[in-house]
Protein backbone atom coordinates (compact mmCIF):
# COMPACT_ATOMS: atom_id res chain seq x y z
CA MET A 1 100.41 335.60 82.10
CA ALA A 2 103.69 336.35 83.77
CA VAL A 3 104.99 334.55 86.80
CA VAL A 4 103.81 336.34 89.95
CA THR A 5 104.85 336.14 93.59
CA ALA A 6 101.51 335.76 95.39
CA TRP A 7 103.07 336.16 98.84
CA LYS A 8 106.45 336.04 100.54
CA ARG A 9 107.41 335.52 104.17
CA THR A 10 110.89 335.78 105.67
CA ASP A 11 111.81 334.26 109.05
CA LEU A 12 115.05 333.97 110.98
CA LEU A 13 116.25 330.62 112.31
CA ARG A 14 119.44 331.11 114.31
CA LYS A 15 121.82 332.72 111.77
CA THR A 16 119.93 331.47 108.73
CA ARG A 17 117.07 333.19 106.92
CA VAL A 18 114.11 331.11 105.80
CA VAL A 19 112.09 332.50 102.89
CA MET A 20 108.70 331.00 102.03
CA MET A 21 106.96 332.03 98.79
CA LYS A 22 103.91 331.15 96.73
CA MET A 23 104.57 331.46 92.99
CA THR A 24 101.69 331.53 90.50
CA TYR A 25 101.94 331.00 86.76
CA ALA A 26 99.64 330.13 83.86
CA SER A 27 99.31 328.06 80.72
CA GLY A 28 102.33 328.43 78.47
CA ASP A 29 104.79 329.29 81.27
CA THR A 30 107.64 326.79 81.40
CA SER A 31 110.14 328.79 83.45
CA VAL A 32 109.58 330.20 86.94
CA VAL A 33 112.19 332.62 88.29
CA VAL A 34 112.10 332.91 92.10
CA ASN A 35 113.99 335.91 93.49
CA THR A 36 114.29 335.06 97.19
CA GLY A 37 116.18 338.17 98.25
CA LEU A 38 118.92 336.05 99.81
CA LYS A 39 122.60 336.48 98.95
CA ARG A 40 123.25 332.75 98.90
CA ILE A 41 120.90 329.77 99.07
CA PHE A 42 122.03 326.80 101.19
CA SER A 43 119.02 324.56 100.55
CA PHE A 44 115.52 324.74 99.14
CA ASN A 45 112.29 322.75 98.90
CA ILE A 46 109.67 322.95 96.18
CA SER A 47 106.11 321.70 96.66
CA PRO A 48 104.28 319.71 93.98
CA THR A 49 102.38 321.97 91.58
CA SER A 50 98.66 322.58 91.99
CA VAL A 51 97.92 320.93 88.64
CA THR A 52 98.03 317.15 88.96
CA ALA A 53 100.66 315.35 86.85
CA LYS A 54 102.50 318.59 85.97
CA LYS A 55 105.84 318.65 87.73
CA VAL A 56 108.97 320.69 88.26
CA ASP A 57 111.54 319.24 85.86
CA PHE A 58 114.70 321.09 86.88
CA ALA A 59 115.89 323.71 89.38
CA ALA A 60 119.04 325.85 89.13
CA VAL A 61 120.48 328.12 91.81
CA SER A 62 122.45 331.28 91.12
CA GLY A 63 123.23 333.34 94.20
CA GLY A 64 119.84 334.05 95.76
CA THR A 65 117.73 333.24 92.71
CA LEU A 66 116.11 329.93 91.80
CA THR A 67 115.19 329.19 88.20
CA LEU A 68 112.65 326.39 87.88
CA THR A 69 111.87 324.60 84.64
CA VAL A 70 108.30 323.31 84.82
CA ALA A 71 105.98 321.34 82.56
CA ASP A 72 103.37 323.51 80.81
CA PRO A 73 100.37 323.28 83.19
CA LEU A 74 97.76 324.12 80.52
CA ALA A 75 95.87 326.06 83.25
CA ASP A 76 96.51 328.48 86.10
CA CYS A 77 98.93 326.87 88.53
CA TYR A 78 100.89 327.60 91.71
CA LEU A 79 103.66 326.10 93.81
CA PHE A 80 105.35 326.83 97.12
CA VAL A 81 109.09 327.42 97.57
CA THR A 82 111.04 327.37 100.84
CA ALA A 83 114.66 328.53 100.69
CA ARG A 84 117.27 328.71 103.45
CA GLY A 85 120.36 330.89 103.25
CA ILE A 86 121.97 334.18 104.19
C-alpha cells in the first residue's frame, strides 16, 4: 500500500500557515513523504504512530516537504503531522 494523505487542513496564524495532516501507511512502508504545500517549513510536530512500539526514526525537511523514516509497522498505521511555515 502506498502512503496516503487521509485528510489535510490549512489554517492561518498571523503571518504563518499551519498545516495539519493525517498520513496513513501499511506494512512494509518505511518512508513517509509529507507534501505540506508550504514553501518553507519553520517547525513541525509528529504524533506517535497508531501501532504501539513502532516509532518515527528520522525526519528530514526540504523546502515544504517532510520525509519521515519510520519503523515497519507490520500492520496498517497512521500518524498526524503539524507543520508551520510560509
